[in-house]
Amino acid sequence: MDTHGEDLGAEIQGQPGADELLAALKADYRRAELCAADRAMLDYAVKLTRTPSTMRPDDVQALRSAGLGDAAIHDVAQITALFNYYNRVADGLGIDPEP
């Protein structure tokens, strides 16, 4: 999480509220001031990560309702799944993700 936070921090550095946003995202993204699309993407990614067998068509519809098109929805699913895969490989091999 720290590495991703640093990456995001570098992208938004100097923007008003950047430090507050990073702190809120690290503490609990659900309390951060996010646009509807960002919140929907994070909600989807968390559900797909934690309880993938509970995914339903409504989860994709929530992304569409937040303004995402099919290509963006596909990207969210692929990126979430890819990071879950990487994390499981790293965990399975005992790799320290943030040495």
PDB file of N, CA and C in Angstrom:
ATOM      1  N   MET A   1       0.832  -1.190   0.000  1.00  0.00           N
ATOM      2  CA  MET A   1       0.000   0.000   0.000  1.00  0.00           C
ATOM      3  C   MET A   1       0.871   1.245   0.000  1.00  0.00           C
ATOM      4  N   ASP A   2       1.979   1.191   0.721  1.00  0.00           N
ATOM      5  CA  ASP A   2       2.846   2.361   0.783  1.00  0.00           C
ATOM      6  C   ASP A   2       3.400   2.720  -0.589  1.00  0.00           C
ATOM      7  N   THR A   3       3.813   1.703  -1.348  1.00  0.00           N
ATOM      8  CA  THR A   3       4.361   1.963  -2.676  1.00  0.00           C
ATOM      9  C   THR A   3       3.321   2.598  -3.583  1.00  0.00           C
ATOM     10  N   HIS A   4       2.109   2.067  -3.557  1.00  0.00           N
ATOM     11  CA  HIS A   4       1.048   2.628  -4.396  1.00  0.00           C
ATOM     12  C   HIS A   4       0.691   4.040  -3.945  1.00  0.00           C
ATOM     13  N   GLY A   5       0.709   4.266  -2.647  1.00  0.00           N
ATOM     14  CA  GLY A   5       0.456   5.607  -2.126  1.00  0.00           C
ATOM     15  C   GLY A   5       1.509   6.597  -2.584  1.00  0.00           C
ATOM     16  N   GLU A   6       2.761   6.160  -2.607  1.00  0.00           N
ATOM     17  CA  GLU A   6       3.835   7.030  -3.085  1.00  0.00           C
ATOM     18  C   GLU A   6       3.663   7.338  -4.571  1.00  0.00           C
ATOM     19  N   ASP A   7       3.264   6.329  -5.336  1.00  0.00           N
ATOM     20  CA  ASP A   7       3.039   6.547  -6.767  1.00  0.00           C
ATOM     21  C   ASP A   7       1.917   7.545  -7.012  1.00  0.00           C
ATOM     22  N   LEU A   8       0.816   7.374  -6.298  1.00  0.00           N
ATOM     23  CA  LEU A   8      -0.297   8.314  -6.435  1.00  0.00           C
ATOM     24  C   LEU A   8       0.128   9.697  -5.971  1.00  0.00           C
ATOM     25  N   GLY A   9       0.858   9.761  -4.861  1.00  0.00           N
ATOM     26  CA  GLY A   9       1.336  11.044  -4.348  1.00  0.00           C
ATOM     27  C   GLY A   9       2.169  11.791  -5.366  1.00  0.00           C
ATOM     28  N   ALA A  10       3.009  11.063  -6.095  1.00  0.00           N
ATOM     29  CA  ALA A  10       3.836  11.693  -7.129  1.00  0.00           C
ATOM     30  C   ALA A  10       2.975  12.246  -8.266  1.00  0.00           C
ATOM     31  N   GLU A  11       1.891  11.539  -8.572  1.00  0.00           N
ATOM     32  CA  GLU A  11       1.005  11.982  -9.651  1.00  0.00           C
ATOM     33  C   GLU A  11       0.201  13.225  -9.287  1.00  0.00           C
ATOM     34  N   ILE A  12      -0.188  13.353  -8.010  1.00  0.00           N
ATOM     35  CA  ILE A  12      -1.064  14.458  -7.616  1.00  0.00           C
ATOM     36  C   ILE A  12      -0.340  15.529  -6.801  1.00  0.00           C
ATOM     37  N   GLN A  13       0.967  15.385  -6.696  1.00  0.00           N
ATOM     38  CA  GLN A  13       1.765  16.334  -5.912  1.00  0.00           C
ATOM     39  C   GLN A  13       1.485  17.777  -6.348  1.00  0.00           C
ATOM     40  N   GLY A  14       1.283  18.623  -5.372  1.00  0.00           N
ATOM     41  CA  GLY A  14       1.062  20.039  -5.639  1.00  0.00           C
ATOM     42  C   GLY A  14      -0.389  20.408  -5.886  1.00  0.00           C
ATOM     43  N   GLN A  15      -1.241  19.430  -6.052  1.00  0.00           N
ATOM     44  CA  GLN A  15      -2.657  19.723  -6.256  1.00  0.00           C
ATOM     45  C   GLN A  15      -3.305  20.005  -4.901  1.00  0.00           C
ATOM     46  N   PRO A  16      -4.256  20.910  -4.869  1.00  0.00           N
ATOM     47  CA  PRO A  16      -4.931  21.205  -3.606  1.00  0.00           C
ATOM     48  C   PRO A  16      -5.577  19.951  -3.018  1.00  0.00           C
ATOM     49  N   GLY A  17      -5.341  19.700  -1.748  1.00  0.00           N
ATOM     50  CA  GLY A  17      -5.936  18.579  -1.054  1.00  0.00           C
ATOM     51  C   GLY A  17      -5.257  17.240  -1.278  1.00  0.00           C
ATOM     52  N   ALA A  18      -4.102  17.231  -1.936  1.00  0.00           N
ATOM     53  CA  ALA A  18      -3.428  15.980  -2.259  1.00  0.00           C
ATOM     54  C   ALA A  18      -3.058  15.189  -1.004  1.00  0.00           C
ATOM     55  N   ASP A  19      -2.482  15.842  -0.019  1.00  0.00           N
ATOM     56  CA  ASP A  19      -2.071  15.148   1.199  1.00  0.00           C
ATOM     57  C   ASP A  19      -3.277  14.578   1.940  1.00  0.00           C
ATOM     58  N   GLU A  20      -4.356  15.337   1.992  1.00  0.00           N
ATOM     59  CA  GLU A  20      -5.557  14.886   2.670  1.00  0.00           C
ATOM     60  C   GLU A  20      -6.171  13.688   1.951  1.00  0.00           C
ATOM     61  N   LEU A  21      -6.162  13.736   0.624  1.00  0.00           N
ATOM     62  CA  LEU A  21      -6.705  12.632  -0.156  1.00  0.00           C
ATOM     63  C   LEU A  21      -5.904  11.362   0.101  1.00  0.00           C
ATOM     64  N   LEU A  22      -4.579  11.458   0.056  1.00  0.00           N
ATOM     65  CA  LEU A  22      -3.748  10.280   0.307  1.00  0.00           C
ATOM     66  C   LEU A  22      -4.002   9.704   1.692  1.00  0.00           C
ATOM     67  N   ALA A  23      -4.083  10.568   2.684  1.00  0.00           N
ATOM     68  CA  ALA A  23      -4.332  10.105   4.051  1.00  0.00           C
ATOM     69  C   ALA A  23      -5.689   9.416   4.148  1.00  0.00           C
ATOM     70  N   ALA A  24      -6.694   9.994   3.520  1.00  0.00           N
ATOM     71  CA  ALA A  24      -8.039   9.412   3.563  1.00  0.00           C
ATOM     72  C   ALA A  24      -8.074   8.068   2.840  1.00  0.00           C
ATOM     73  N   LEU A  25      -7.409   7.968   1.709  1.00  0.00           N
ATOM     74  CA  LEU A  25      -7.391   6.708   0.974  1.00  0.00           C
ATOM     75  C   LEU A  25      -6.697   5.613   1.770  1.00  0.00           C
ATOM     76  N   LYS A  26      -5.619   5.958   2.435  1.00  0.00           N
ATOM     77  CA  LYS A  26      -4.901   4.966   3.239  1.00  0.00           C
ATOM     78  C   LYS A  26      -5.721   4.536   4.452  1.00  0.00           C
ATOM     79  N   ALA A  27      -6.458   5.451   5.042  1.00  0.00           N
ATOM     80  CA  ALA A  27      -7.247   5.134   6.235  1.00  0.00           C
ATOM     81  C   ALA A  27      -8.497   4.331   5.877  1.00  0.00           C
ATOM     82  N   ASP A  28      -9.262   4.800   4.895  1.00  0.00           N
ATOM     83  CA  ASP A  28     -10.500   4.146   4.480  1.00  0.00           C
ATOM     84  C   ASP A  28     -11.028   4.880   3.249  1.00  0.00           C
ATOM     85  N   TYR A  29     -10.835   4.289   2.090  1.00  0.00           N
ATOM     86  CA  TYR A  29     -11.218   4.965   0.847  1.00  0.00           C
ATOM     87  C   TYR A  29     -12.682   5.383   0.845  1.00  0.00           C
ATOM     88  N   ARG A  30     -13.517   4.683   1.599  1.00  0.00           N
ATOM     89  CA  ARG A  30     -14.949   4.993   1.610  1.00  0.00           C
ATOM     90  C   ARG A  30     -15.240   6.345   2.245  1.00  0.00           C
ATOM     91  N   ARG A  31     -14.282   6.869   2.983  1.00  0.00           N
ATOM     92  CA  ARG A  31     -14.470   8.180   3.607  1.00  0.00           C
ATOM     93  C   ARG A  31     -13.756   9.295   2.845  1.00  0.00           C
ATOM     94  N   ALA A  32     -13.046   8.939   1.803  1.00  0.00           N
ATOM     95  CA  ALA A  32     -12.332   9.927   0.996  1.00  0.00           C
ATOM     96  C   ALA A  32     -13.301  10.644   0.059  1.00  0.00           C
ATOM     97  N   GLU A  33     -12.979  11.878  -0.257  1.00  0.00           N
ATOM     98  CA  GLU A  33     -13.793  12.640  -1.213  1.00  0.00           C
ATOM     99  C   GLU A  33     -13.394  12.214  -2.618  1.00  0.00           C
ATOM    100  N   LEU A  34     -14.216  11.356  -3.199  1.00  0.00           N
ATOM    101  CA  LEU A  34     -13.951  10.815  -4.523  1.00  0.00           C
ATOM    102  C   LEU A  34     -15.141  11.059  -5.429  1.00  0.00           C
ATOM    103  N   CYS A  35     -14.874  11.141  -6.717  1.00  0.00           N
ATOM    104  CA  CYS A  35     -15.975  11.233  -7.675  1.00  0.00           C
ATOM    105  C   CYS A  35     -16.669   9.874  -7.737  1.00  0.00           C
ATOM    106  N   ALA A  36     -17.849   9.855  -8.294  1.00  0.00           N
ATOM    107  CA  ALA A  36     -18.654   8.631  -8.345  1.00  0.00           C
ATOM    108  C   ALA A  36     -17.931   7.504  -9.080  1.00  0.00           C
ATOM    109  N   ALA A  37     -17.238   7.829 -10.156  1.00  0.00           N
ATOM    110  CA  ALA A  37     -16.554   6.785 -10.926  1.00  0.00           C
ATOM    111  C   ALA A  37     -15.422   6.159 -10.120  1.00  0.00           C
ATOM    112  N   ASP A  38     -14.635   6.970  -9.429  1.00  0.00           N
ATOM    113  CA  ASP A  38     -13.533   6.438  -8.622  1.00  0.00           C
ATOM    114  C   ASP A  38     -14.053   5.577  -7.481  1.00  0.00           C
ATOM    115  N   ARG A  39     -15.114   6.034  -6.820  1.00  0.00           N
ATOM    116  CA  ARG A  39     -15.687   5.253  -5.721  1.00  0.00           C
ATOM    117  C   ARG A  39     -16.233   3.932  -6.249  1.00  0.00           C
ATOM    118  N   ALA A  40     -16.925   3.967  -7.377  1.00  0.00           N
ATOM    119  CA  ALA A  40     -17.486   2.739  -7.955  1.00  0.00           C
ATOM    120  C   ALA A  40     -16.368   1.761  -8.335  1.00  0.00           C
ATOM    121  N   MET A  41     -15.293   2.273  -8.905  1.00  0.00           N
ATOM    122  CA  MET A  41     -14.169   1.402  -9.263  1.00  0.00           C
ATOM    123  C   MET A  41     -13.566   0.745  -8.029  1.00  0.00           C
ATOM    124  N   LEU A  42     -13.374   1.517  -6.978  1.00  0.00           N
ATOM    125  CA  LEU A  42     -12.800   0.953  -5.761  1.00  0.00           C
ATOM    126  C   LEU A  42     -13.747  -0.043  -5.107  1.00  0.00           C
ATOM    127  N   ASP A  43     -15.037   0.270  -5.078  1.00  0.00           N
ATOM    128  CA  ASP A  43     -16.013  -0.671  -4.522  1.00  0.00           C
ATOM    129  C   ASP A  43     -15.967  -1.994  -5.294  1.00  0.00           C
ATOM    130  N   TYR A  44     -15.933  -1.906  -6.608  1.00  0.00           N
ATOM    131  CA  TYR A  44     -15.884  -3.087  -7.466  1.00  0.00           C
ATOM    132  C   TYR A  44     -14.606  -3.881  -7.204  1.00  0.00           C
ATOM    133  N   ALA A  45     -13.463  -3.190  -7.169  1.00  0.00           N
ATOM    134  CA  ALA A  45     -12.174  -3.859  -6.971  1.00  0.00           C
ATOM    135  C   ALA A  45     -12.104  -4.549  -5.609  1.00  0.00           C
ATOM    136  N   VAL A  46     -12.616  -3.903  -4.586  1.00  0.00           N
ATOM    137  CA  VAL A  46     -12.601  -4.505  -3.248  1.00  0.00           C
ATOM    138  C   VAL A  46     -13.481  -5.750  -3.228  1.00  0.00           C
ATOM    139  N   LYS A  47     -14.665  -5.671  -3.806  1.00  0.00           N
ATOM    140  CA  LYS A  47     -15.558  -6.833  -3.812  1.00  0.00           C
ATOM    141  C   LYS A  47     -14.957  -7.974  -4.621  1.00  0.00           C
ATOM    142  N   LEU A  48     -14.408  -7.667  -5.791  1.00  0.00           N
ATOM    143  CA  LEU A  48     -13.800  -8.696  -6.630  1.00  0.00           C
ATOM    144  C   LEU A  48     -12.608  -9.339  -5.922  1.00  0.00           C
ATOM    145  N   THR A  49     -11.897  -8.570  -5.131  1.00  0.00           N
ATOM    146  CA  THR A  49     -10.746  -9.082  -4.394  1.00  0.00           C
ATOM    147  C   THR A  49     -11.164  -9.933  -3.201  1.00  0.00           C
ATOM    148  N   ARG A  50     -12.082  -9.417  -2.418  1.00  0.00           N
ATOM    149  CA  ARG A  50     -12.423 -10.078  -1.144  1.00  0.00           C
ATOM    150  C   ARG A  50     -13.450 -11.195  -1.287  1.00  0.00           C
ATOM    151  N   THR A  51     -14.436 -10.996  -2.150  1.00  0.00           N
ATOM    152  CA  THR A  51     -15.519 -11.983  -2.271  1.00  0.00           C
ATOM    153  C   THR A  51     -15.887 -12.190  -3.746  1.00  0.00           C
ATOM    154  N   PRO A  52     -14.966 -12.714  -4.531  1.00  0.00           N
ATOM    155  CA  PRO A  52     -15.217 -12.810  -5.976  1.00  0.00           C
ATOM    156  C   PRO A  52     -16.441 -13.650  -6.341  1.00  0.00           C
ATOM    157  N   SER A  53     -16.772 -14.639  -5.535  1.00  0.00           N
ATOM    158  CA  SER A  53     -17.919 -15.485  -5.874  1.00  0.00           C
ATOM    159  C   SER A  53     -19.254 -14.772  -5.700  1.00  0.00           C
ATOM    160  N   THR A  54     -19.233 -13.583  -5.092  1.00  0.00           N
ATOM    161  CA  THR A  54     -20.480 -12.841  -4.893  1.00  0.00           C
ATOM    162  C   THR A  54     -20.715 -11.781  -5.969  1.00  0.00           C
ATOM    163  N   MET A  55     -19.842 -11.707  -6.957  1.00  0.00           N
ATOM    164  CA  MET A  55     -20.011 -10.718  -8.025  1.00  0.00           C
ATOM    165  C   MET A  55     -21.274 -11.041  -8.825  1.00  0.00           C
ATOM    166  N   ARG A  56     -22.008  -9.986  -9.151  1.00  0.00           N
ATOM    167  CA  ARG A  56     -23.275 -10.117  -9.877  1.00  0.00           C
ATOM    168  C   ARG A  56     -23.333  -9.061 -10.981  1.00  0.00           C
ATOM    169  N   PRO A  57     -24.257  -9.204 -11.926  1.00  0.00           N
ATOM    170  CA  PRO A  57     -24.413  -8.187 -12.973  1.00  0.00           C
ATOM    171  C   PRO A  57     -24.612  -6.777 -12.414  1.00  0.00           C
ATOM    172  N   ASP A  58     -25.212  -6.668 -11.245  1.00  0.00           N
ATOM    173  CA  ASP A  58     -25.412  -5.347 -10.633  1.00  0.00           C
ATOM    174  C   ASP A  58     -24.093  -4.646 -10.341  1.00  0.00           C
ATOM    175  N   ASP A  59     -23.032  -5.414 -10.092  1.00  0.00           N
ATOM    176  CA  ASP A  59     -21.735  -4.809  -9.823  1.00  0.00           C
ATOM    177  C   ASP A  59     -21.193  -4.104 -11.067  1.00  0.00           C
ATOM    178  N   VAL A  60     -21.382  -4.710 -12.209  1.00  0.00           N
ATOM    179  CA  VAL A  60     -20.984  -4.068 -13.467  1.00  0.00           C
ATOM    180  C   VAL A  60     -21.906  -2.884 -13.755  1.00  0.00           C
ATOM    181  N   GLN A  61     -23.186  -3.048 -13.476  1.00  0.00           N
ATOM    182  CA  GLN A  61     -24.133  -1.957 -13.700  1.00  0.00           C
ATOM    183  C   GLN A  61     -23.781  -0.732 -12.859  1.00  0.00           C
ATOM    184  N   ALA A  62     -23.281  -0.950 -11.660  1.00  0.00           N
ATOM    185  CA  ALA A  62     -22.872   0.175 -10.805  1.00  0.00           C
ATOM    186  C   ALA A  62     -21.751   0.962 -11.472  1.00  0.00           C
ATOM    187  N   LEU A  63     -20.847   0.273 -12.153  1.00  0.00           N
ATOM    188  CA  LEU A  63     -19.778   0.968 -12.885  1.00  0.00           C
ATOM    189  C   LEU A  63     -20.358   1.753 -14.060  1.00  0.00           C
ATOM    190  N   ARG A  64     -21.272   1.139 -14.773  1.00  0.00           N
ATOM    191  CA  ARG A  64     -21.920   1.850 -15.895  1.00  0.00           C
ATOM    192  C   ARG A  64     -22.670   3.082 -15.394  1.00  0.00           C
ATOM    193  N   SER A  65     -23.367   2.930 -14.290  1.00  0.00           N
ATOM    194  CA  SER A  65     -24.126   4.052 -13.731  1.00  0.00           C
ATOM    195  C   SER A  65     -23.219   5.189 -13.285  1.00  0.00           C
ATOM    196  N   ALA A  66     -21.977   4.856 -12.958  1.00  0.00           N
ATOM    197  CA  ALA A  66     -21.004   5.872 -12.551  1.00  0.00           C
ATOM    198  C   ALA A  66     -20.306   6.492 -13.751  1.00  0.00           C
ATOM    199  N   GLY A  67     -20.664   6.038 -14.960  1.00  0.00           N
ATOM    200  CA  GLY A  67     -20.129   6.666 -16.161  1.00  0.00           C
ATOM    201  C   GLY A  67     -19.059   5.886 -16.898  1.00  0.00           C
ATOM    202  N   LEU A  68     -18.751   4.670 -16.487  1.00  0.00           N
ATOM    203  CA  LEU A  68     -17.724   3.888 -17.159  1.00  0.00           C
ATOM    204  C   LEU A  68     -18.319   3.141 -18.344  1.00  0.00           C
ATOM    205  N   GLY A  69     -17.569   3.094 -19.421  1.00  0.00           N
ATOM    206  CA  GLY A  69     -17.961   2.329 -20.592  1.00  0.00           C
ATOM    207  C   GLY A  69     -17.395   0.919 -20.516  1.00  0.00           C
ATOM    208  N   ASP A  70     -17.723   0.125 -21.514  1.00  0.00           N
ATOM    209  CA  ASP A  70     -17.301  -1.273 -21.512  1.00  0.00           C
ATOM    210  C   ASP A  70     -15.788  -1.441 -21.442  1.00  0.00           C
ATOM    211  N   ALA A  71     -15.047  -0.632 -22.179  1.00  0.00           N
ATOM    212  CA  ALA A  71     -13.581  -0.758 -22.168  1.00  0.00           C
ATOM    213  C   ALA A  71     -13.015  -0.438 -20.783  1.00  0.00           C
ATOM    214  N   ALA A  72     -13.530   0.589 -20.147  1.00  0.00           N
ATOM    215  CA  ALA A  72     -13.054   0.949 -18.807  1.00  0.00           C
ATOM    216  C   ALA A  72     -13.422  -0.128 -17.793  1.00  0.00           C
ATOM    217  N   ILE A  73     -14.615  -0.683 -17.914  1.00  0.00           N
ATOM    218  CA  ILE A  73     -15.046  -1.753 -17.010  1.00  0.00           C
ATOM    219  C   ILE A  73     -14.141  -2.966 -17.183  1.00  0.00           C
ATOM    220  N   HIS A  74     -13.841  -3.290 -18.418  1.00  0.00           N
ATOM    221  CA  HIS A  74     -12.921  -4.395 -18.705  1.00  0.00           C
ATOM    222  C   HIS A  74     -11.560  -4.128 -18.069  1.00  0.00           C
ATOM    223  N   ASP A  75     -11.074  -2.901 -18.188  1.00  0.00           N
ATOM    224  CA  ASP A  75      -9.774  -2.546 -17.600  1.00  0.00           C
ATOM    225  C   ASP A  75      -9.788  -2.696 -16.079  1.00  0.00           C
ATOM    226  N   VAL A  76     -10.859  -2.241 -15.436  1.00  0.00           N
ATOM    227  CA  VAL A  76     -10.958  -2.352 -13.979  1.00  0.00           C
ATOM    228  C   VAL A  76     -10.909  -3.818 -13.566  1.00  0.00           C
ATOM    229  N   ALA A  77     -11.667  -4.658 -14.243  1.00  0.00           N
ATOM    230  CA  ALA A  77     -11.677  -6.085 -13.904  1.00  0.00           C
ATOM    231  C   ALA A  77     -10.304  -6.716 -14.139  1.00  0.00           C
ATOM    232  N   GLN A  78      -9.690  -6.415 -15.274  1.00  0.00           N
ATOM    233  CA  GLN A  78      -8.389  -7.002 -15.603  1.00  0.00           C
ATOM    234  C   GLN A  78      -7.293  -6.550 -14.636  1.00  0.00           C
ATOM    235  N   ILE A  79      -7.250  -5.276 -14.340  1.00  0.00           N
ATOM    236  CA  ILE A  79      -6.216  -4.750 -13.449  1.00  0.00           C
ATOM    237  C   ILE A  79      -6.392  -5.306 -12.039  1.00  0.00           C
ATOM    238  N   THR A  80      -7.633  -5.355 -11.573  1.00  0.00           N
ATOM    239  CA  THR A  80      -7.895  -5.920 -10.248  1.00  0.00           C
ATOM    240  C   THR A  80      -7.446  -7.375 -10.198  1.00  0.00           C
ATOM    241  N   ALA A  81      -7.837  -8.152 -11.186  1.00  0.00           N
ATOM    242  CA  ALA A  81      -7.477  -9.570 -11.216  1.00  0.00           C
ATOM    243  C   ALA A  81      -5.965  -9.752 -11.319  1.00  0.00           C
ATOM    244  N   LEU A  82      -5.318  -8.935 -12.123  1.00  0.00           N
ATOM    245  CA  LEU A  82      -3.868  -9.048 -12.293  1.00  0.00           C
ATOM    246  C   LEU A  82      -3.130  -8.758 -10.991  1.00  0.00           C
ATOM    247  N   PHE A  83      -3.522  -7.701 -10.291  1.00  0.00           N
ATOM    248  CA  PHE A  83      -2.865  -7.397  -9.021  1.00  0.00           C
ATOM    249  C   PHE A  83      -3.155  -8.475  -7.980  1.00  0.00           C
ATOM    250  N   ASN A  84      -4.347  -9.038  -7.992  1.00  0.00           N
ATOM    251  CA  ASN A  84      -4.631 -10.144  -7.085  1.00  0.00           C
ATOM    252  C   ASN A  84      -3.725 -11.332  -7.398  1.00  0.00           C
ATOM    253  N   TYR A  85      -3.538 -11.611  -8.666  1.00  0.00           N
ATOM    254  CA  TYR A  85      -2.645 -12.696  -9.072  1.00  0.00           C
ATOM    255  C   TYR A  85      -1.216 -12.428  -8.587  1.00  0.00           C
ATOM    256  N   TYR A  86      -0.703 -11.248  -8.877  1.00  0.00           N
ATOM    257  CA  TYR A  86       0.665 -10.906  -8.453  1.00  0.00           C
ATOM    258  C   TYR A  86       0.823 -11.036  -6.942  1.00  0.00           C
ATOM    259  N   ASN A  87      -0.149 -10.545  -6.202  1.00  0.00           N
ATOM    260  CA  ASN A  87      -0.067 -10.609  -4.745  1.00  0.00           C
ATOM    261  C   ASN A  87      -0.069 -12.049  -4.245  1.00  0.00           C
ATOM    262  N   ARG A  88      -0.853 -12.898  -4.870  1.00  0.00           N
ATOM    263  CA  ARG A  88      -0.892 -14.294  -4.435  1.00  0.00           C
ATOM    264  C   ARG A  88       0.402 -15.016  -4.773  1.00  0.00           C
ATOM    265  N   VAL A  89       0.986 -14.725  -5.907  1.00  0.00           N
ATOM    266  CA  VAL A  89       2.287 -15.307  -6.247  1.00  0.00           C
ATOM    267  C   VAL A  89       3.341 -14.833  -5.247  1.00  0.00           C
ATOM    268  N   ALA A  90       3.363 -13.553  -4.983  1.00  0.00           N
ATOM    269  CA  ALA A  90       4.340 -13.006  -4.018  1.00  0.00           C
ATOM    270  C   ALA A  90       4.142 -13.606  -2.643  1.00  0.00           C
ATOM    271  N   ASP A  91       2.895 -13.691  -2.198  1.00  0.00           N
ATOM    272  CA  ASP A  91       2.614 -14.296  -0.896  1.00  0.00           C
ATOM    273  C   ASP A  91       3.021 -15.761  -0.870  1.00  0.00           C
ATOM    274  N   GLY A  92       2.712 -16.472  -1.945  1.00  0.00           N
ATOM    275  CA  GLY A  92       3.023 -17.897  -2.009  1.00  0.00           C
ATOM    276  C   GLY A  92       4.518 -18.192  -2.020  1.00  0.00           C
ATOM    277  N   LEU A  93       5.291 -17.239  -2.519  1.00  0.00           N
ATOM    278  CA  LEU A  93       6.744 -17.415  -2.559  1.00  0.00           C
ATOM    279  C   LEU A  93       7.466 -16.707  -1.429  1.00  0.00           C
ATOM    280  N   GLY A  94       6.698 -16.019  -0.589  1.00  0.00           N
ATOM    281  CA  GLY A  94       7.319 -15.325   0.547  1.00  0.00           C
ATOM    282  C   GLY A  94       8.100 -14.087   0.155  1.00  0.00           C
ATOM    283  N   ILE A  95       7.699 -13.457  -0.930  1.00  0.00           N
ATOM    284  CA  ILE A  95       8.391 -12.254  -1.391  1.00  0.00           C
ATOM    285  C   ILE A  95       7.905 -11.059  -0.592  1.00  0.00           C
ATOM    286  N   ASP A  96       8.838 -10.261  -0.064  1.00  0.00           N
ATOM    287  CA  ASP A  96       8.476  -9.041   0.664  1.00  0.00           C
ATOM    288  C   ASP A  96       8.120  -7.982  -0.371  1.00  0.00           C
ATOM    289  N   PRO A  97       6.850  -7.542  -0.411  1.00  0.00           N
ATOM    290  CA  PRO A  97       6.438  -6.592  -1.440  1.00  0.00           C
ATOM    291  C   PRO A  97       7.050  -5.203  -1.293  1.00  0.00           C
ATOM    292  N   GLU A  98       7.473  -4.872  -0.074  1.00  0.00           N
ATOM    293  CA  GLU A  98       8.041  -3.550   0.145  1.00  0.00           C
ATOM    294  C   GLU A  98       9.286  -3.665   1.018  1.00  0.00           C
ATOM    295  N   PRO A  99      10.378  -4.129   0.406  1.00  0.00           N
ATOM    296  CA  PRO A  99      11.606  -4.329   1.194  1.00  0.00           C
ATOM    297  C   PRO A  99      12.180  -3.030   1.733  1.00  0.00           C
TER     298      PRO A  99
END
